[in-house]
């Protein structure tokens, strides 16, 4: 009986360790960086960041997202141009910082190099009539 209990505990510990090794960073561990904006509410910026985080988690496997940033100055200078380019009323640029852990799962982003950190990788989003953010561009613009 004691051996069965020890075996169960051992399997439980092994399962926890294997699960931790294969896990990816969750959205709760991604730093969101932005200050007050005269263009967008904090809720709108947060929602746009969540759209990028969700896309990242789904489509950029093998990478670890560490930070998403909103820069008011860049958005003041270019936001209207991006909105016009994508035939939208509003557009926003966000930057991300992430590490490439492996080359697996990055087929859409073949230029990403394993072991490299990418700083201010850009995302251009527009807002639809329901307030949802749609990603149009990712990469360096």
N, C-alpha and C. Protein backbone atom coordinates (compact mmCIF):
# COMPACT_ATOMS: atom_id res chain seq x y z
N UNK A 1 0.82 -1.18 0.00
CA UNK A 1 0.00 0.00 0.00
C UNK A 1 0.87 1.26 0.00
N UNK A 2 1.94 1.23 0.78
CA UNK A 2 2.84 2.36 0.87
C UNK A 2 3.50 2.61 -0.49
N UNK A 3 3.86 1.53 -1.21
CA UNK A 3 4.48 1.68 -2.52
C UNK A 3 3.53 2.31 -3.53
N UNK A 4 2.24 1.96 -3.47
CA UNK A 4 1.25 2.55 -4.38
C UNK A 4 1.10 4.04 -4.11
N UNK A 5 1.08 4.42 -2.85
CA UNK A 5 0.94 5.83 -2.49
C UNK A 5 2.16 6.61 -2.98
N UNK A 6 3.34 6.03 -2.80
CA UNK A 6 4.58 6.69 -3.27
C UNK A 6 4.58 6.81 -4.78
N UNK A 7 4.11 5.80 -5.46
CA UNK A 7 4.05 5.83 -6.92
C UNK A 7 3.09 6.91 -7.40
N UNK A 8 1.95 7.03 -6.75
CA UNK A 8 0.97 8.06 -7.11
C UNK A 8 1.53 9.45 -6.89
N UNK A 9 2.20 9.64 -5.76
CA UNK A 9 2.81 10.94 -5.47
C UNK A 9 3.89 11.24 -6.51
N UNK A 10 4.69 10.25 -6.86
CA UNK A 10 5.74 10.43 -7.87
C UNK A 10 5.16 10.80 -9.22
N UNK A 11 4.07 10.14 -9.63
CA UNK A 11 3.42 10.46 -10.90
C UNK A 11 2.83 11.86 -10.87
N UNK A 12 2.25 12.25 -9.76
CA UNK A 12 1.68 13.58 -9.62
C UNK A 12 2.76 14.65 -9.76
N UNK A 13 3.89 14.46 -9.08
CA UNK A 13 5.00 15.41 -9.17
C UNK A 13 5.55 15.47 -10.59
N UNK A 14 5.71 14.32 -11.21
CA UNK A 14 6.23 14.29 -12.59
C UNK A 14 5.28 15.02 -13.53
N UNK A 15 3.97 14.83 -13.35
CA UNK A 15 2.99 15.51 -14.19
C UNK A 15 3.05 17.01 -14.03
N UNK A 16 3.20 17.47 -12.80
CA UNK A 16 3.30 18.91 -12.55
C UNK A 16 4.56 19.47 -13.20
N UNK A 17 5.68 18.78 -13.03
CA UNK A 17 6.94 19.25 -13.62
C UNK A 17 6.88 19.27 -15.14
N UNK A 18 6.33 18.24 -15.75
CA UNK A 18 6.22 18.22 -17.21
C UNK A 18 5.29 19.31 -17.71
N UNK A 19 4.21 19.54 -17.01
CA UNK A 19 3.29 20.60 -17.39
C UNK A 19 3.95 21.96 -17.31
N UNK A 20 4.74 22.18 -16.29
CA UNK A 20 5.42 23.47 -16.13
C UNK A 20 6.46 23.68 -17.22
N UNK A 21 7.15 22.65 -17.60
CA UNK A 21 8.18 22.78 -18.63
C UNK A 21 7.58 23.11 -19.98
N UNK A 22 6.41 22.59 -20.26
CA UNK A 22 5.81 22.82 -21.56
C UNK A 22 4.91 24.04 -21.61
N UNK A 23 4.75 24.73 -20.51
CA UNK A 23 3.82 25.85 -20.51
C UNK A 23 4.43 27.08 -21.14
N UNK A 24 3.56 27.93 -21.63
CA UNK A 24 3.98 29.21 -22.21
C UNK A 24 3.55 30.31 -21.27
N UNK A 25 4.12 31.50 -21.47
CA UNK A 25 3.73 32.64 -20.67
C UNK A 25 2.26 32.95 -20.91
N UNK A 26 1.52 33.20 -19.87
CA UNK A 26 0.12 33.55 -20.04
C UNK A 26 -0.02 35.06 -20.12
N UNK A 27 -1.19 35.48 -20.57
CA UNK A 27 -1.45 36.91 -20.72
C UNK A 27 -1.25 37.65 -19.40
N UNK A 28 -1.46 36.98 -18.27
CA UNK A 28 -1.33 37.66 -16.99
C UNK A 28 0.12 38.02 -16.67
N UNK A 29 1.08 37.42 -17.34
CA UNK A 29 2.48 37.72 -17.06
C UNK A 29 3.07 38.72 -18.06
N UNK A 30 2.28 39.16 -19.02
CA UNK A 30 2.75 40.12 -20.01
C UNK A 30 2.60 41.52 -19.42
N UNK A 31 3.70 42.29 -19.45
CA UNK A 31 3.65 43.66 -18.96
C UNK A 31 2.97 44.55 -20.00
N UNK A 32 2.01 45.33 -19.56
CA UNK A 32 1.33 46.31 -20.42
C UNK A 32 1.82 47.69 -20.00
N UNK A 33 2.35 48.45 -20.96
CA UNK A 33 2.92 49.75 -20.64
C UNK A 33 2.25 50.84 -21.47
N UNK A 34 1.56 51.74 -20.79
CA UNK A 34 1.00 52.91 -21.44
C UNK A 34 0.68 53.96 -20.39
N UNK A 35 0.69 55.21 -20.83
CA UNK A 35 0.32 56.30 -19.95
C UNK A 35 -1.01 56.87 -20.43
N UNK A 36 -1.47 57.92 -19.78
CA UNK A 36 -2.72 58.54 -20.18
C UNK A 36 -2.65 58.95 -21.64
N UNK A 37 -3.78 58.82 -22.32
CA UNK A 37 -3.86 59.15 -23.73
C UNK A 37 -4.97 60.16 -23.97
N UNK A 38 -4.71 61.09 -24.88
CA UNK A 38 -5.76 62.03 -25.28
C UNK A 38 -6.57 61.46 -26.45
N UNK A 39 -6.11 60.34 -27.00
CA UNK A 39 -6.75 59.72 -28.16
C UNK A 39 -7.67 58.58 -27.74
N UNK A 40 -7.18 57.72 -26.85
CA UNK A 40 -7.90 56.51 -26.46
C UNK A 40 -8.08 56.45 -24.95
N UNK A 41 -9.14 55.78 -24.55
CA UNK A 41 -9.33 55.52 -23.12
C UNK A 41 -8.40 54.39 -22.71
N UNK A 42 -8.18 54.26 -21.41
CA UNK A 42 -7.35 53.16 -20.90
C UNK A 42 -7.98 51.82 -21.28
N UNK A 43 -9.30 51.75 -21.27
CA UNK A 43 -10.00 50.52 -21.62
C UNK A 43 -9.77 50.15 -23.09
N UNK A 44 -9.77 51.16 -23.97
CA UNK A 44 -9.53 50.89 -25.39
C UNK A 44 -8.11 50.40 -25.63
N UNK A 45 -7.16 51.03 -24.98
CA UNK A 45 -5.76 50.60 -25.13
C UNK A 45 -5.59 49.20 -24.60
N UNK A 46 -6.18 48.93 -23.44
CA UNK A 46 -6.10 47.60 -22.84
C UNK A 46 -6.73 46.54 -23.75
N UNK A 47 -7.87 46.87 -24.36
CA UNK A 47 -8.53 45.92 -25.27
C UNK A 47 -7.69 45.66 -26.51
N UNK A 48 -7.05 46.71 -27.04
CA UNK A 48 -6.17 46.52 -28.20
C UNK A 48 -4.98 45.64 -27.82
N UNK A 49 -4.42 45.88 -26.64
CA UNK A 49 -3.31 45.05 -26.16
C UNK A 49 -3.75 43.60 -26.00
N UNK A 50 -4.95 43.39 -25.47
CA UNK A 50 -5.46 42.03 -25.32
C UNK A 50 -5.61 41.33 -26.67
N UNK A 51 -6.00 42.09 -27.70
CA UNK A 51 -6.11 41.51 -29.05
C UNK A 51 -4.76 41.04 -29.55
N UNK A 52 -3.71 41.83 -29.31
CA UNK A 52 -2.36 41.44 -29.72
C UNK A 52 -1.89 40.23 -28.91
N UNK A 53 -2.15 40.24 -27.62
CA UNK A 53 -1.74 39.12 -26.77
C UNK A 53 -2.44 37.84 -27.22
N UNK A 54 -3.72 37.91 -27.51
CA UNK A 54 -4.47 36.72 -27.95
C UNK A 54 -3.92 36.21 -29.28
N UNK A 55 -3.64 37.11 -30.21
CA UNK A 55 -3.06 36.71 -31.50
C UNK A 55 -1.71 36.04 -31.26
N UNK A 56 -0.91 36.67 -30.43
CA UNK A 56 0.43 36.18 -30.14
C UNK A 56 0.37 34.77 -29.57
N UNK A 57 -0.50 34.55 -28.60
CA UNK A 57 -0.61 33.23 -27.97
C UNK A 57 -1.08 32.17 -28.94
N UNK A 58 -1.92 32.55 -29.88
CA UNK A 58 -2.46 31.59 -30.85
C UNK A 58 -1.49 31.33 -32.00
N UNK A 59 -0.86 32.35 -32.51
CA UNK A 59 -0.12 32.24 -33.77
C UNK A 59 1.39 32.37 -33.68
N UNK A 60 1.92 32.68 -32.53
CA UNK A 60 3.38 32.84 -32.42
C UNK A 60 3.94 31.88 -31.39
N UNK A 61 3.59 30.62 -31.57
CA UNK A 61 4.09 29.59 -30.67
C UNK A 61 5.61 29.50 -30.80
N UNK A 62 6.25 29.17 -29.71
CA UNK A 62 7.71 29.13 -29.72
C UNK A 62 8.31 30.47 -29.33
N UNK A 63 7.46 31.44 -29.02
CA UNK A 63 7.91 32.76 -28.59
C UNK A 63 7.32 33.07 -27.22
N UNK A 64 8.01 33.91 -26.46
CA UNK A 64 7.52 34.34 -25.16
C UNK A 64 7.35 35.85 -25.19
N UNK A 65 6.11 36.29 -25.14
CA UNK A 65 5.79 37.71 -25.12
C UNK A 65 6.03 38.25 -23.72
N UNK A 66 6.78 39.34 -23.61
CA UNK A 66 7.07 39.90 -22.29
C UNK A 66 6.46 41.27 -22.07
N UNK A 67 6.24 42.03 -23.17
CA UNK A 67 5.76 43.40 -22.97
C UNK A 67 4.98 43.89 -24.18
N UNK A 68 3.92 44.66 -23.91
CA UNK A 68 3.16 45.34 -24.96
C UNK A 68 3.13 46.82 -24.57
N UNK A 69 3.45 47.71 -25.52
CA UNK A 69 3.51 49.13 -25.21
C UNK A 69 2.66 49.96 -26.16
N UNK A 70 2.15 51.06 -25.63
CA UNK A 70 1.44 52.06 -26.41
C UNK A 70 2.21 53.36 -26.25
N UNK A 71 2.54 54.01 -27.37
CA UNK A 71 3.28 55.26 -27.35
C UNK A 71 2.37 56.35 -27.93
N UNK A 72 1.97 57.28 -27.10
CA UNK A 72 1.04 58.34 -27.51
C UNK A 72 1.61 59.18 -28.65
N UNK A 73 2.88 59.52 -28.57
CA UNK A 73 3.49 60.39 -29.58
C UNK A 73 3.44 59.76 -30.98
N UNK A 74 3.78 58.50 -31.07
CA UNK A 74 3.73 57.80 -32.37
C UNK A 74 2.31 57.77 -32.89
N UNK A 75 1.36 57.48 -32.02
CA UNK A 75 -0.04 57.39 -32.45
C UNK A 75 -0.61 58.75 -32.85
N UNK A 76 -0.17 59.81 -32.19
CA UNK A 76 -0.61 61.15 -32.59
C UNK A 76 -0.11 61.50 -33.99
N UNK A 77 1.13 61.12 -34.28
CA UNK A 77 1.73 61.46 -35.57
C UNK A 77 1.19 60.62 -36.72
N UNK A 78 0.93 59.33 -36.49
CA UNK A 78 0.63 58.41 -37.58
C UNK A 78 -0.76 57.80 -37.57
N UNK A 79 -1.50 57.92 -36.48
CA UNK A 79 -2.78 57.23 -36.34
C UNK A 79 -3.76 57.52 -37.45
N UNK A 80 -3.90 58.77 -37.83
CA UNK A 80 -4.85 59.12 -38.89
C UNK A 80 -4.44 58.51 -40.23
N UNK A 81 -3.15 58.50 -40.51
CA UNK A 81 -2.66 57.90 -41.76
C UNK A 81 -2.97 56.41 -41.81
N UNK A 82 -2.74 55.72 -40.68
CA UNK A 82 -3.03 54.28 -40.65
C UNK A 82 -4.52 54.03 -40.80
N UNK A 83 -5.34 54.84 -40.14
CA UNK A 83 -6.79 54.67 -40.25
C UNK A 83 -7.21 54.84 -41.71
N UNK A 84 -6.68 55.84 -42.37
CA UNK A 84 -7.00 56.06 -43.79
C UNK A 84 -6.53 54.89 -44.64
N UNK A 85 -5.32 54.42 -44.38
CA UNK A 85 -4.76 53.30 -45.13
C UNK A 85 -5.64 52.06 -45.06
N UNK A 86 -6.25 51.82 -43.90
CA UNK A 86 -7.06 50.62 -43.71
C UNK A 86 -8.56 50.92 -43.74
N UNK A 87 -8.91 52.11 -44.25
CA UNK A 87 -10.31 52.51 -44.42
C UNK A 87 -11.09 52.34 -43.12
N UNK A 88 -10.56 52.94 -42.06
CA UNK A 88 -11.17 52.85 -40.74
C UNK A 88 -11.24 54.24 -40.12
N UNK A 89 -12.05 54.37 -39.10
CA UNK A 89 -12.14 55.64 -38.37
C UNK A 89 -10.97 55.83 -37.42
N UNK A 90 -10.49 54.72 -36.86
CA UNK A 90 -9.42 54.80 -35.85
C UNK A 90 -8.40 53.69 -36.07
N UNK A 91 -7.15 54.02 -35.80
CA UNK A 91 -6.08 53.02 -35.89
C UNK A 91 -5.08 53.28 -34.77
N UNK A 92 -4.43 52.22 -34.34
CA UNK A 92 -3.48 52.31 -33.24
C UNK A 92 -2.26 51.46 -33.54
N UNK A 93 -1.10 51.93 -33.12
CA UNK A 93 0.13 51.14 -33.20
C UNK A 93 0.53 50.74 -31.79
N UNK A 94 0.83 49.47 -31.62
CA UNK A 94 1.36 48.95 -30.37
C UNK A 94 2.71 48.32 -30.67
N UNK A 95 3.59 48.32 -29.68
CA UNK A 95 4.87 47.64 -29.80
C UNK A 95 4.92 46.47 -28.85
N UNK A 96 5.67 45.44 -29.23
CA UNK A 96 5.83 44.29 -28.34
C UNK A 96 7.31 43.96 -28.19
N UNK A 97 7.62 43.33 -27.09
CA UNK A 97 8.94 42.78 -26.82
C UNK A 97 8.73 41.29 -26.57
N UNK A 98 9.49 40.45 -27.27
CA UNK A 98 9.35 39.02 -27.06
C UNK A 98 10.65 38.30 -27.38
N UNK A 99 10.75 37.09 -26.85
CA UNK A 99 11.90 36.21 -27.10
C UNK A 99 11.45 35.07 -27.98
N UNK A 100 12.31 34.66 -28.90
CA UNK A 100 12.04 33.49 -29.74
C UNK A 100 12.74 32.32 -29.08
N UNK A 101 11.94 31.36 -28.61
CA UNK A 101 12.47 30.20 -27.89
C UNK A 101 12.89 29.09 -28.82
N UNK A 102 12.15 28.92 -29.89
CA UNK A 102 12.46 27.86 -30.84
C UNK A 102 11.95 28.26 -32.20
N UNK A 103 12.40 27.56 -33.21
CA UNK A 103 11.96 27.85 -34.57
C UNK A 103 10.64 27.15 -34.90
N UNK A 104 10.24 26.21 -34.07
CA UNK A 104 9.00 25.48 -34.31
C UNK A 104 7.80 26.38 -34.11
N UNK A 105 6.83 26.26 -34.97
CA UNK A 105 5.59 26.99 -34.82
C UNK A 105 5.62 28.40 -35.35
N UNK A 106 6.73 28.83 -35.94
CA UNK A 106 6.84 30.19 -36.45
C UNK A 106 6.84 30.22 -37.97
N UNK A 107 6.06 29.37 -38.59
CA UNK A 107 6.06 29.28 -40.05
C UNK A 107 5.66 30.57 -40.72
N UNK A 108 4.76 31.34 -40.10
CA UNK A 108 4.34 32.61 -40.69
C UNK A 108 5.39 33.69 -40.51
N UNK A 109 6.32 33.47 -39.62
CA UNK A 109 7.34 34.45 -39.30
C UNK A 109 8.72 33.81 -39.42
N UNK A 110 9.03 33.36 -40.62
CA UNK A 110 10.27 32.61 -40.84
C UNK A 110 11.53 33.42 -40.57
N UNK A 111 11.40 34.76 -40.60
CA UNK A 111 12.56 35.61 -40.38
C UNK A 111 12.95 35.69 -38.90
N UNK A 112 12.10 35.22 -37.99
CA UNK A 112 12.43 35.26 -36.57
C UNK A 112 13.55 34.27 -36.28
N UNK A 113 14.54 34.73 -35.54
CA UNK A 113 15.70 33.90 -35.24
C UNK A 113 15.61 33.34 -33.82
N UNK A 114 15.82 32.03 -33.73
CA UNK A 114 15.79 31.35 -32.45
C UNK A 114 16.83 31.97 -31.50
N UNK A 115 16.42 32.18 -30.25
CA UNK A 115 17.32 32.71 -29.23
C UNK A 115 17.43 34.23 -29.23
N UNK A 116 16.71 34.91 -30.11
CA UNK A 116 16.80 36.36 -30.21
C UNK A 116 15.62 37.03 -29.48
N UNK A 117 15.89 38.22 -28.94
CA UNK A 117 14.84 39.06 -28.37
C UNK A 117 14.50 40.14 -29.38
N UNK A 118 13.23 40.30 -29.65
CA UNK A 118 12.76 41.34 -30.57
C UNK A 118 12.16 42.47 -29.74
N UNK A 119 12.64 43.67 -29.99
CA UNK A 119 12.26 44.85 -29.23
C UNK A 119 11.45 45.78 -30.12
N UNK A 120 10.30 46.19 -29.67
CA UNK A 120 9.35 47.06 -30.36
C UNK A 120 8.97 46.52 -31.74
N UNK A 121 8.56 45.26 -31.76
CA UNK A 121 7.95 44.61 -32.92
C UNK A 121 6.55 45.21 -33.01
N UNK A 122 6.20 45.82 -34.12
CA UNK A 122 5.01 46.66 -34.22
C UNK A 122 3.76 45.92 -34.69
N UNK A 123 2.63 46.42 -34.23
CA UNK A 123 1.31 45.91 -34.58
C UNK A 123 0.42 47.10 -34.88
N UNK A 124 -0.21 47.13 -36.05
CA UNK A 124 -1.16 48.18 -36.38
C UNK A 124 -2.55 47.56 -36.36
N UNK A 125 -3.44 48.18 -35.59
CA UNK A 125 -4.79 47.69 -35.42
C UNK A 125 -5.78 48.79 -35.77
N UNK A 126 -6.96 48.39 -36.22
CA UNK A 126 -8.07 49.33 -36.38
C UNK A 126 -9.22 48.86 -35.51
N UNK A 127 -10.09 49.80 -35.21
CA UNK A 127 -11.24 49.49 -34.36
C UNK A 127 -12.49 49.43 -35.23
N UNK A 128 -13.25 48.33 -35.11
CA UNK A 128 -14.48 48.22 -35.90
C UNK A 128 -15.63 48.94 -35.20
N UNK A 129 -16.80 48.94 -35.83
CA UNK A 129 -17.96 49.66 -35.30
C UNK A 129 -18.44 49.12 -33.96
N UNK A 130 -18.04 47.90 -33.60
CA UNK A 130 -18.42 47.31 -32.32
C UNK A 130 -17.37 47.54 -31.24
N UNK A 131 -16.30 48.25 -31.59
CA UNK A 131 -15.24 48.52 -30.62
C UNK A 131 -14.17 47.45 -30.55
N UNK A 132 -14.26 46.42 -31.40
CA UNK A 132 -13.26 45.35 -31.43
C UNK A 132 -12.04 45.80 -32.22
N UNK A 133 -10.89 45.33 -31.81
CA UNK A 133 -9.64 45.69 -32.49
C UNK A 133 -9.24 44.58 -33.47
N UNK A 134 -8.88 45.00 -34.68
CA UNK A 134 -8.49 44.07 -35.75
C UNK A 134 -7.05 44.36 -36.12
N UNK A 135 -6.22 43.31 -36.12
CA UNK A 135 -4.80 43.46 -36.47
C UNK A 135 -4.65 43.43 -37.97
N UNK A 136 -3.92 44.43 -38.50
CA UNK A 136 -3.66 44.50 -39.95
C UNK A 136 -2.19 44.27 -40.28
N UNK A 137 -1.30 44.71 -39.42
CA UNK A 137 0.14 44.64 -39.71
C UNK A 137 0.86 44.18 -38.45
N UNK A 138 1.80 43.27 -38.63
CA UNK A 138 2.69 42.90 -37.55
C UNK A 138 4.10 42.83 -38.11
N UNK A 139 5.03 43.33 -37.34
CA UNK A 139 6.44 43.35 -37.77
C UNK A 139 7.03 44.71 -37.59
N UNK A 140 8.05 45.00 -38.35
CA UNK A 140 8.68 46.32 -38.30
C UNK A 140 8.19 47.13 -39.47
N UNK A 141 7.61 48.30 -39.18
CA UNK A 141 7.08 49.13 -40.26
C UNK A 141 8.05 50.22 -40.64
